[in-house]
Amino acid sequence: MKALKSLWKDTKERFDRVEKSLVDCYIAFLREVAKVFLEQNGRVFFRENLKTSDIKYEAEKPNGTYARKRDGI
């Protein structure tokens, strides 16, 4: 049983590092999206949601239209 507990502890630590890396990567991507729209005199809005799969963002283009995550920006 000790072997399984030790294996689980190691696995959880590795998973936590991978998860943090993925989140950091996604946040960096969102920052770049915001930077591009701000450079084009647009506005950017981020909305926090409970599930990662539901994270949405939208950016107002200079012409007044909006680009959303689901639009494939």
Protein backbone atom coordinates (compact mmCIF):
# COMPACT_ATOMS: atom_id res chain seq x y z
CA MET A 1 0.00 0.00 0.00
CA LYS A 2 2.89 2.39 0.73
CA ALA A 3 4.15 1.87 -2.81
CA LEU A 4 0.78 2.97 -4.22
CA LYS A 5 0.65 6.04 -1.99
CA SER A 6 4.16 7.00 -3.07
CA LEU A 7 3.29 6.42 -6.74
CA TRP A 8 0.14 8.54 -6.37
CA LYS A 9 2.11 11.35 -4.70
CA ASP A 10 4.66 11.38 -7.54
CA THR A 11 1.93 11.21 -10.17
CA LYS A 12 -0.02 14.06 -8.60
CA GLU A 13 3.08 16.26 -8.40
CA ARG A 14 3.85 15.63 -12.08
CA PHE A 15 0.24 16.29 -13.06
CA ASP A 16 0.19 19.55 -11.08
CA ARG A 17 3.31 20.76 -12.91
CA VAL A 18 1.82 19.87 -16.30
CA GLU A 19 -1.49 21.53 -15.42
CA LYS A 20 0.27 24.73 -14.35
CA SER A 21 2.28 24.72 -17.57
CA LEU A 22 -0.89 24.37 -19.68
CA VAL A 23 -2.67 27.15 -17.81
CA ASP A 24 0.35 29.46 -18.12
CA CYS A 25 0.51 28.73 -21.86
CA TYR A 26 -3.20 29.50 -22.36
CA ILE A 27 -2.97 32.73 -20.37
CA ALA A 28 0.02 33.80 -22.47
CA PHE A 29 -2.06 33.11 -25.60
CA LEU A 30 -4.95 35.22 -24.30
CA ARG A 31 -2.54 38.06 -23.49
CA GLU A 32 -1.23 37.99 -27.07
CA VAL A 33 -4.80 38.07 -28.42
CA ALA A 34 -5.50 41.10 -26.23
CA LYS A 35 -2.26 42.78 -27.30
CA VAL A 36 -3.13 42.42 -31.00
CA PHE A 37 -6.60 43.91 -30.55
CA LEU A 38 -5.32 46.73 -28.35
CA GLU A 39 -2.68 47.58 -30.96
CA GLN A 40 -5.54 47.85 -33.48
CA ASN A 41 -7.32 50.32 -31.16
CA GLY A 42 -9.83 47.69 -30.13
CA ARG A 43 -11.05 46.83 -26.64
CA VAL A 44 -10.70 43.49 -24.92
CA PHE A 45 -12.94 41.91 -22.30
CA PHE A 46 -12.24 38.75 -20.32
CA ARG A 47 -14.94 36.92 -18.42
CA GLU A 48 -14.12 34.42 -15.70
CA ASN A 49 -16.06 31.18 -15.63
CA LEU A 50 -15.92 28.16 -13.39
CA LYS A 51 -14.85 25.58 -15.99
CA THR A 52 -11.77 26.01 -18.17
CA SER A 53 -13.72 24.71 -21.17
CA ASP A 54 -16.18 27.59 -20.71
CA ILE A 55 -13.57 30.38 -20.68
CA LYS A 56 -14.70 33.00 -23.13
CA TYR A 57 -13.15 36.18 -24.30
CA GLU A 58 -14.20 38.76 -26.78
CA ALA A 59 -12.43 41.65 -28.34
CA GLU A 60 -14.06 44.66 -29.91
CA LYS A 61 -12.58 45.36 -33.31
CA PRO A 62 -11.95 48.98 -34.35
CA ASN A 63 -14.99 48.80 -36.66
CA GLY A 64 -17.22 48.07 -33.67
CA THR A 65 -17.74 44.37 -34.35
CA TYR A 66 -16.67 41.69 -31.86
CA ALA A 67 -14.42 38.69 -32.23
CA ARG A 68 -15.11 35.86 -29.83
CA LYS A 69 -13.22 32.72 -28.87
CA ARG A 70 -15.70 30.60 -30.77
CA ASP A 71 -15.10 32.72 -33.89
CA GLY A 72 -11.63 31.22 -34.10
CA ILE A 73 -9.41 34.18 -33.27
